PDB file of N, CA and C in Angstrom:
ATOM      1  N   UNK A   1     -51.234 140.389 -32.780  1.00  0.00           N
ATOM      2  CA  UNK A   1     -52.230 140.865 -31.836  1.00  0.00           C
ATOM      3  C   UNK A   1     -51.569 141.870 -30.905  1.00  0.00           C
ATOM      4  N   UNK A   2     -52.289 142.894 -30.610  1.00  0.00           N
ATOM      5  CA  UNK A   2     -51.784 143.938 -29.718  1.00  0.00           C
ATOM      6  C   UNK A   2     -51.628 143.364 -28.314  1.00  0.00           C
ATOM      7  N   UNK A   3     -50.476 143.622 -27.704  1.00  0.00           N
ATOM      8  CA  UNK A   3     -50.166 143.055 -26.392  1.00  0.00           C
ATOM      9  C   UNK A   3     -51.191 143.458 -25.333  1.00  0.00           C
ATOM     10  N   UNK A   4     -51.548 144.725 -25.321  1.00  0.00           N
ATOM     11  CA  UNK A   4     -52.504 145.226 -24.320  1.00  0.00           C
ATOM     12  C   UNK A   4     -53.860 144.551 -24.482  1.00  0.00           C
ATOM     13  N   UNK A   5     -54.286 144.395 -25.741  1.00  0.00           N
ATOM     14  CA  UNK A   5     -55.562 143.760 -26.020  1.00  0.00           C
ATOM     15  C   UNK A   5     -55.575 142.308 -25.580  1.00  0.00           C
ATOM     16  N   UNK A   6     -54.459 141.623 -25.769  1.00  0.00           N
ATOM     17  CA  UNK A   6     -54.369 140.232 -25.342  1.00  0.00           C
ATOM     18  C   UNK A   6     -54.535 140.121 -23.828  1.00  0.00           C
ATOM     19  N   UNK A   7     -53.791 140.932 -23.100  1.00  0.00           N
ATOM     20  CA  UNK A   7     -53.869 140.874 -21.639  1.00  0.00           C
ATOM     21  C   UNK A   7     -55.253 141.244 -21.134  1.00  0.00           C
ATOM     22  N   UNK A   8     -55.861 142.228 -21.754  1.00  0.00           N
ATOM     23  CA  UNK A   8     -57.223 142.618 -21.336  1.00  0.00           C
ATOM     24  C   UNK A   8     -58.203 141.456 -21.538  1.00  0.00           C
ATOM     25  N   UNK A   9     -58.100 140.795 -22.689  1.00  0.00           N
ATOM     26  CA  UNK A   9     -58.981 139.662 -22.956  1.00  0.00           C
ATOM     27  C   UNK A   9     -58.683 138.525 -21.993  1.00  0.00           C
ATOM     28  N   UNK A  10     -57.391 138.268 -21.768  1.00  0.00           N
ATOM     29  CA  UNK A  10     -56.985 137.186 -20.877  1.00  0.00           C
ATOM     30  C   UNK A  10     -57.519 137.407 -19.463  1.00  0.00           C
ATOM     31  N   UNK A  11     -57.398 138.644 -18.986  1.00  0.00           N
ATOM     32  CA  UNK A  11     -57.820 138.946 -17.627  1.00  0.00           C
ATOM     33  C   UNK A  11     -59.327 138.856 -17.435  1.00  0.00           C
ATOM     34  N   UNK A  12     -60.090 138.997 -18.518  1.00  0.00           N
ATOM     35  CA  UNK A  12     -61.553 138.915 -18.387  1.00  0.00           C
ATOM     36  C   UNK A  12     -62.041 137.473 -18.347  1.00  0.00           C
ATOM     37  N   UNK A  13     -61.167 136.535 -18.666  1.00  0.00           N
ATOM     38  CA  UNK A  13     -61.568 135.129 -18.631  1.00  0.00           C
ATOM     39  C   UNK A  13     -61.643 134.618 -17.201  1.00  0.00           C
ATOM     40  N   UNK A  14     -62.495 133.651 -16.952  1.00  0.00           N
ATOM     41  CA  UNK A  14     -62.519 133.025 -15.625  1.00  0.00           C
ATOM     42  C   UNK A  14     -61.185 132.315 -15.378  1.00  0.00           C
ATOM     43  N   UNK A  15     -60.848 132.092 -14.128  1.00  0.00           N
ATOM     44  CA  UNK A  15     -59.575 131.499 -13.745  1.00  0.00           C
ATOM     45  C   UNK A  15     -59.338 130.159 -14.454  1.00  0.00           C
ATOM     46  N   UNK A  16     -60.366 129.332 -14.540  1.00  0.00           N
ATOM     47  CA  UNK A  16     -60.220 128.026 -15.203  1.00  0.00           C
ATOM     48  C   UNK A  16     -59.850 128.211 -16.681  1.00  0.00           C
ATOM     49  N   UNK A  17     -60.469 129.159 -17.345  1.00  0.00           N
ATOM     50  CA  UNK A  17     -60.164 129.426 -18.751  1.00  0.00           C
ATOM     51  C   UNK A  17     -58.746 129.980 -18.906  1.00  0.00           C
ATOM     52  N   UNK A  18     -58.304 130.809 -17.959  1.00  0.00           N
ATOM     53  CA  UNK A  18     -56.933 131.320 -18.000  1.00  0.00           C
ATOM     54  C   UNK A  18     -55.929 130.168 -17.905  1.00  0.00           C
ATOM     55  N   UNK A  19     -56.231 129.195 -17.025  1.00  0.00           N
ATOM     56  CA  UNK A  19     -55.362 128.027 -16.905  1.00  0.00           C
ATOM     57  C   UNK A  19     -55.308 127.254 -18.218  1.00  0.00           C
ATOM     58  N   UNK A  20     -56.452 127.127 -18.890  1.00  0.00           N
ATOM     59  CA  UNK A  20     -56.507 126.426 -20.171  1.00  0.00           C
ATOM     60  C   UNK A  20     -55.678 127.146 -21.231  1.00  0.00           C
ATOM     61  N   UNK A  21     -55.767 128.467 -21.240  1.00  0.00           N
ATOM     62  CA  UNK A  21     -54.988 129.262 -22.200  1.00  0.00           C
ATOM     63  C   UNK A  21     -53.494 129.041 -21.953  1.00  0.00           C
ATOM     64  N   UNK A  22     -53.089 129.097 -20.681  1.00  0.00           N
ATOM     65  CA  UNK A  22     -51.677 128.907 -20.351  1.00  0.00           C
ATOM     66  C   UNK A  22     -51.202 127.499 -20.706  1.00  0.00           C
ATOM     67  N   UNK A  23     -52.040 126.508 -20.460  1.00  0.00           N
ATOM     68  CA  UNK A  23     -51.697 125.128 -20.824  1.00  0.00           C
ATOM     69  C   UNK A  23     -51.526 125.003 -22.331  1.00  0.00           C
ATOM     70  N   UNK A  24     -52.429 125.626 -23.067  1.00  0.00           N
ATOM     71  CA  UNK A  24     -52.334 125.586 -24.530  1.00  0.00           C
ATOM     72  C   UNK A  24     -51.079 126.305 -25.028  1.00  0.00           C
ATOM     73  N   UNK A  25     -50.759 127.418 -24.399  1.00  0.00           N
ATOM     74  CA  UNK A  25     -49.549 128.159 -24.778  1.00  0.00           C
ATOM     75  C   UNK A  25     -48.306 127.304 -24.511  1.00  0.00           C
ATOM     76  N   UNK A  26     -48.277 126.597 -23.385  1.00  0.00           N
ATOM     77  CA  UNK A  26     -47.164 125.686 -23.090  1.00  0.00           C
ATOM     78  C   UNK A  26     -47.037 124.610 -24.162  1.00  0.00           C
ATOM     79  N   UNK A  27     -48.192 124.058 -24.539  1.00  0.00           N
ATOM     80  CA  UNK A  27     -48.209 123.047 -25.588  1.00  0.00           C
ATOM     81  C   UNK A  27     -47.617 123.589 -26.892  1.00  0.00           C
ATOM     82  N   UNK A  28     -48.052 124.782 -27.297  1.00  0.00           N
ATOM     83  CA  UNK A  28     -47.558 125.382 -28.534  1.00  0.00           C
ATOM     84  C   UNK A  28     -46.061 125.669 -28.460  1.00  0.00           C
ATOM     85  N   UNK A  29     -45.604 126.164 -27.317  1.00  0.00           N
ATOM     86  CA  UNK A  29     -44.177 126.430 -27.165  1.00  0.00           C
ATOM     87  C   UNK A  29     -43.354 125.162 -27.337  1.00  0.00           C
ATOM     88  N   UNK A  30     -43.774 124.093 -26.702  1.00  0.00           N
ATOM     89  CA  UNK A  30     -43.043 122.829 -26.809  1.00  0.00           C
ATOM     90  C   UNK A  30     -43.067 122.309 -28.239  1.00  0.00           C
ATOM     91  N   UNK A  31     -44.219 122.405 -28.874  1.00  0.00           N
ATOM     92  CA  UNK A  31     -44.356 121.929 -30.253  1.00  0.00           C
ATOM     93  C   UNK A  31     -43.396 122.668 -31.181  1.00  0.00           C
ATOM     94  N   UNK A  32     -43.360 123.978 -31.085  1.00  0.00           N
ATOM     95  CA  UNK A  32     -42.521 124.754 -31.986  1.00  0.00           C
ATOM     96  C   UNK A  32     -41.051 124.689 -31.606  1.00  0.00           C
ATOM     97  N   UNK A  33     -40.735 124.495 -30.347  1.00  0.00           N
ATOM     98  CA  UNK A  33     -39.348 124.290 -29.946  1.00  0.00           C
ATOM     99  C   UNK A  33     -38.821 122.995 -30.539  1.00  0.00           C
ATOM    100  N   UNK A  34     -39.644 121.947 -30.508  1.00  0.00           N
ATOM    101  CA  UNK A  34     -39.232 120.669 -31.083  1.00  0.00           C
ATOM    102  C   UNK A  34     -38.993 120.795 -32.580  1.00  0.00           C
ATOM    103  N   UNK A  35     -39.883 121.508 -33.262  1.00  0.00           N
ATOM    104  CA  UNK A  35     -39.708 121.705 -34.701  1.00  0.00           C
ATOM    105  C   UNK A  35     -38.423 122.470 -34.994  1.00  0.00           C
ATOM    106  N   UNK A  36     -38.122 123.483 -34.192  1.00  0.00           N
ATOM    107  CA  UNK A  36     -36.895 124.246 -34.393  1.00  0.00           C
ATOM    108  C   UNK A  36     -35.666 123.376 -34.160  1.00  0.00           C
ATOM    109  N   UNK A  37     -35.701 122.551 -33.116  1.00  0.00           N
ATOM    110  CA  UNK A  37     -34.573 121.672 -32.825  1.00  0.00           C
ATOM    111  C   UNK A  37     -34.367 120.666 -33.943  1.00  0.00           C
ATOM    112  N   UNK A  38     -35.451 120.114 -34.477  1.00  0.00           N
ATOM    113  CA  UNK A  38     -35.340 119.161 -35.585  1.00  0.00           C
ATOM    114  C   UNK A  38     -34.695 119.812 -36.794  1.00  0.00           C
ATOM    115  N   UNK A  39     -35.125 121.008 -37.126  1.00  0.00           N
ATOM    116  CA  UNK A  39     -34.624 121.688 -38.311  1.00  0.00           C
ATOM    117  C   UNK A  39     -33.196 122.191 -38.131  1.00  0.00           C
ATOM    118  N   UNK A  40     -32.796 122.503 -36.906  1.00  0.00           N
ATOM    119  CA  UNK A  40     -31.438 122.976 -36.662  1.00  0.00           C
ATOM    120  C   UNK A  40     -30.409 121.901 -36.950  1.00  0.00           C
ATOM    121  N   UNK A  41     -30.750 120.657 -36.671  1.00  0.00           N
ATOM    122  CA  UNK A  41     -29.804 119.564 -36.850  1.00  0.00           C
ATOM    123  C   UNK A  41     -29.648 119.122 -38.292  1.00  0.00           C
ATOM    124  N   UNK A  42     -30.538 119.546 -39.161  1.00  0.00           N
ATOM    125  CA  UNK A  42     -30.490 119.106 -40.559  1.00  0.00           C
ATOM    126  C   UNK A  42     -29.529 119.971 -41.367  1.00  0.00           C
ATOM    127  N   UNK A  43     -28.751 119.296 -42.190  1.00  0.00           N
ATOM    128  CA  UNK A  43     -27.865 120.004 -43.107  1.00  0.00           C
ATOM    129  C   UNK A  43     -28.641 120.389 -44.360  1.00  0.00           C
ATOM    130  N   UNK A  44     -28.226 121.454 -44.947  1.00  0.00           N
ATOM    131  CA  UNK A  44     -28.760 121.803 -46.254  1.00  0.00           C
ATOM    132  C   UNK A  44     -28.275 120.728 -47.225  1.00  0.00           C
ATOM    133  N   UNK A  45     -29.089 120.368 -48.194  1.00  0.00           N
ATOM    134  CA  UNK A  45     -28.679 119.327 -49.140  1.00  0.00           C
ATOM    135  C   UNK A  45     -27.406 119.733 -49.886  1.00  0.00           C
ATOM    136  N   UNK A  46     -27.218 121.011 -50.081  1.00  0.00           N
ATOM    137  CA  UNK A  46     -26.034 121.483 -50.793  1.00  0.00           C
ATOM    138  C   UNK A  46     -24.745 121.233 -50.006  1.00  0.00           C
ATOM    139  N   UNK A  47     -24.862 120.993 -48.696  1.00  0.00           N
ATOM    140  CA  UNK A  47     -23.675 120.775 -47.880  1.00  0.00           C
ATOM    141  C   UNK A  47     -23.286 119.302 -47.763  1.00  0.00           C
ATOM    142  N   UNK A  48     -24.090 118.417 -48.334  1.00  0.00           N
ATOM    143  CA  UNK A  48     -23.758 116.998 -48.296  1.00  0.00           C
ATOM    144  C   UNK A  48     -22.623 116.708 -49.279  1.00  0.00           C
ATOM    145  N   UNK A  49     -21.819 115.721 -48.929  1.00  0.00           N
ATOM    146  CA  UNK A  49     -20.615 115.423 -49.712  1.00  0.00           C
ATOM    147  C   UNK A  49     -20.930 114.950 -51.118  1.00  0.00           C
ATOM    148  N   UNK A  50     -22.080 114.301 -51.330  1.00  0.00           N
ATOM    149  CA  UNK A  50     -22.365 113.758 -52.648  1.00  0.00           C
ATOM    150  C   UNK A  50     -22.741 114.826 -53.677  1.00  0.00           C
ATOM    151  N   UNK A  51     -23.112 116.012 -53.226  1.00  0.00           N
ATOM    152  CA  UNK A  51     -23.508 117.066 -54.157  1.00  0.00           C
ATOM    153  C   UNK A  51     -22.284 117.492 -54.969  1.00  0.00           C
ATOM    154  N   UNK A  52     -22.452 117.483 -56.274  1.00  0.00           N
ATOM    155  CA  UNK A  52     -21.358 117.863 -57.154  1.00  0.00           C
ATOM    156  C   UNK A  52     -20.432 116.717 -57.514  1.00  0.00           C
ATOM    157  N   UNK A  53     -20.786 115.528 -57.063  1.00  0.00           N
ATOM    158  CA  UNK A  53     -19.934 114.358 -57.282  1.00  0.00           C
ATOM    159  C   UNK A  53     -19.650 114.122 -58.761  1.00  0.00           C
ATOM    160  N   UNK A  54     -20.647 114.375 -59.603  1.00  0.00           N
ATOM    161  CA  UNK A  54     -20.496 114.104 -61.029  1.00  0.00           C
ATOM    162  C   UNK A  54     -20.396 115.379 -61.872  1.00  0.00           C
ATOM    163  N   UNK A  55     -20.086 116.500 -61.260  1.00  0.00           N
ATOM    164  CA  UNK A  55     -20.134 117.754 -62.020  1.00  0.00           C
ATOM    165  C   UNK A  55     -19.119 117.825 -63.167  1.00  0.00           C
ATOM    166  N   UNK A  56     -18.039 117.078 -63.102  1.00  0.00           N
ATOM    167  CA  UNK A  56     -17.031 117.112 -64.171  1.00  0.00           C
ATOM    168  C   UNK A  56     -17.269 116.051 -65.242  1.00  0.00           C
ATOM    169  N   UNK A  57     -18.318 115.272 -65.100  1.00  0.00           N
ATOM    170  CA  UNK A  57     -18.588 114.205 -66.071  1.00  0.00           C
ATOM    171  C   UNK A  57     -19.310 114.786 -67.277  1.00  0.00           C
ATOM    172  N   UNK A  58     -18.639 114.809 -68.409  1.00  0.00           N
ATOM    173  CA  UNK A  58     -19.230 115.355 -69.641  1.00  0.00           C
ATOM    174  C   UNK A  58     -20.327 114.441 -70.183  1.00  0.00           C
ATOM    175  N   UNK A  59     -20.215 113.123 -69.914  1.00  0.00           N
ATOM    176  CA  UNK A  59     -21.223 112.189 -70.427  1.00  0.00           C
ATOM    177  C   UNK A  59     -22.549 112.302 -69.687  1.00  0.00           C
ATOM    178  N   UNK A  60     -22.592 113.035 -68.590  1.00  0.00           N
ATOM    179  CA  UNK A  60     -23.823 113.180 -67.825  1.00  0.00           C
ATOM    180  C   UNK A  60     -24.483 114.557 -67.994  1.00  0.00           C
ATOM    181  N   UNK A  61     -24.006 115.345 -68.931  1.00  0.00           N
ATOM    182  CA  UNK A  61     -24.603 116.669 -69.127  1.00  0.00           C
ATOM    183  C   UNK A  61     -26.076 116.560 -69.495  1.00  0.00           C
ATOM    184  N   UNK A  62     -26.414 115.548 -70.326  1.00  0.00           N
ATOM    185  CA  UNK A  62     -27.815 115.272 -70.647  1.00  0.00           C
ATOM    186  C   UNK A  62     -28.144 113.939 -69.986  1.00  0.00           C
ATOM    187  N   UNK A  63     -28.671 113.995 -68.770  1.00  0.00           N
ATOM    188  CA  UNK A  63     -28.886 112.767 -68.005  1.00  0.00           C
ATOM    189  C   UNK A  63     -29.912 111.848 -68.664  1.00  0.00           C
ATOM    190  N   UNK A  64     -30.896 112.407 -69.331  1.00  0.00           N
ATOM    191  CA  UNK A  64     -31.891 111.574 -70.011  1.00  0.00           C
ATOM    192  C   UNK A  64     -31.248 110.767 -71.124  1.00  0.00           C
ATOM    193  N   UNK A  65     -30.386 111.407 -71.874  1.00  0.00           N
ATOM    194  CA  UNK A  65     -29.689 110.716 -72.957  1.00  0.00           C
ATOM    195  C   UNK A  65     -28.757 109.651 -72.382  1.00  0.00           C
ATOM    196  N   UNK A  66     -28.108 109.957 -71.281  1.00  0.00           N
ATOM    197  CA  UNK A  66     -27.205 108.996 -70.653  1.00  0.00           C
ATOM    198  C   UNK A  66     -27.967 107.737 -70.240  1.00  0.00           C
ATOM    199  N   UNK A  67     -29.155 107.909 -69.662  1.00  0.00           N
ATOM    200  CA  UNK A  67     -29.977 106.766 -69.249  1.00  0.00           C
ATOM    201  C   UNK A  67     -30.421 105.975 -70.471  1.00  0.00           C
ATOM    202  N   UNK A  68     -30.836 106.663 -71.533  1.00  0.00           N
ATOM    203  CA  UNK A  68     -31.249 105.954 -72.763  1.00  0.00           C
ATOM    204  C   UNK A  68     -30.103 105.119 -73.320  1.00  0.00           C
ATOM    205  N   UNK A  69     -28.914 105.704 -73.375  1.00  0.00           N
ATOM    206  CA  UNK A  69     -27.739 104.974 -73.888  1.00  0.00           C
ATOM    207  C   UNK A  69     -27.415 103.768 -73.013  1.00  0.00           C
ATOM    208  N   UNK A  70     -27.470 103.959 -71.718  1.00  0.00           N
ATOM    209  CA  UNK A  70     -27.181 102.864 -70.797  1.00  0.00           C
ATOM    210  C   UNK A  70     -28.208 101.744 -70.962  1.00  0.00           C
ATOM    211  N   UNK A  71     -29.481 102.116 -71.087  1.00  0.00           N
ATOM    212  CA  UNK A  71     -30.542 101.116 -71.272  1.00  0.00           C
ATOM    213  C   UNK A  71     -30.328 100.333 -72.567  1.00  0.00           C
ATOM    214  N   UNK A  72     -30.012 101.027 -73.644  1.00  0.00           N
ATOM    215  CA  UNK A  72     -29.764 100.347 -74.927  1.00  0.00           C
ATOM    216  C   UNK A  72     -28.625  99.347 -74.782  1.00  0.00           C
ATOM    217  N   UNK A  73     -27.554  99.766 -74.149  1.00  0.00           N
ATOM    218  CA  UNK A  73     -26.384  98.904 -73.962  1.00  0.00           C
ATOM    219  C   UNK A  73     -26.759  97.674 -73.145  1.00  0.00           C
ATOM    220  N   UNK A  74     -27.479  97.873 -72.049  1.00  0.00           N
ATOM    221  CA  UNK A  74     -27.843  96.760 -71.182  1.00  0.00           C
ATOM    222  C   UNK A  74     -28.792  95.801 -71.894  1.00  0.00           C
ATOM    223  N   UNK A  75     -29.740  96.326 -72.655  1.00  0.00           N
ATOM    224  CA  UNK A  75     -30.687  95.454 -73.363  1.00  0.00           C
ATOM    225  C   UNK A  75     -29.982  94.659 -74.452  1.00  0.00           C
ATOM    226  N   UNK A  76     -28.983  95.243 -75.071  1.00  0.00           N
ATOM    227  CA  UNK A  76     -28.214  94.507 -76.095  1.00  0.00           C
ATOM    228  C   UNK A  76     -27.480  93.337 -75.447  1.00  0.00           C
ATOM    229  N   UNK A  77     -26.892  93.583 -74.255  1.00  0.00           N
ATOM    230  CA  UNK A  77     -26.154  92.521 -73.566  1.00  0.00           C
ATOM    231  C   UNK A  77     -27.089  91.410 -73.093  1.00  0.00           C
ATOM    232  N   UNK A  78     -28.301  91.756 -72.717  1.00  0.00           N
ATOM    233  CA  UNK A  78     -29.274  90.738 -72.278  1.00  0.00           C
ATOM    234  C   UNK A  78     -29.686  89.862 -73.460  1.00  0.00           C
ATOM    235  N   UNK A  79     -29.775  90.470 -74.650  1.00  0.00           N
ATOM    236  CA  UNK A  79     -30.226  89.759 -75.835  1.00  0.00           C
ATOM    237  C   UNK A  79     -29.184  88.801 -76.406  1.00  0.00           C
ATOM    238  N   UNK A  80     -27.970  88.846 -75.946  1.00  0.00           N
ATOM    239  CA  UNK A  80     -26.930  87.965 -76.497  1.00  0.00           C
ATOM    240  C   UNK A  80     -27.122  86.537 -76.137  1.00  0.00           C
TER     241      UNK A  80
END
């Protein structure tokens, strides 16, 4: 929105409406400041220590196959 147009519209409002606009603007500022603060403290998932933990494991290249093999092994042991 054009700055001049905003001020012109704002100034044409009654004093009570101007107060409401300012109150709403304060609310929005606080809301978005909180969101920014929350997001600033979060690490990117790529920066967590567990990322890459299994990258050298050749048996996990096909994770679906690894799970199938593990399930077969476990079910065989249960059946004994």
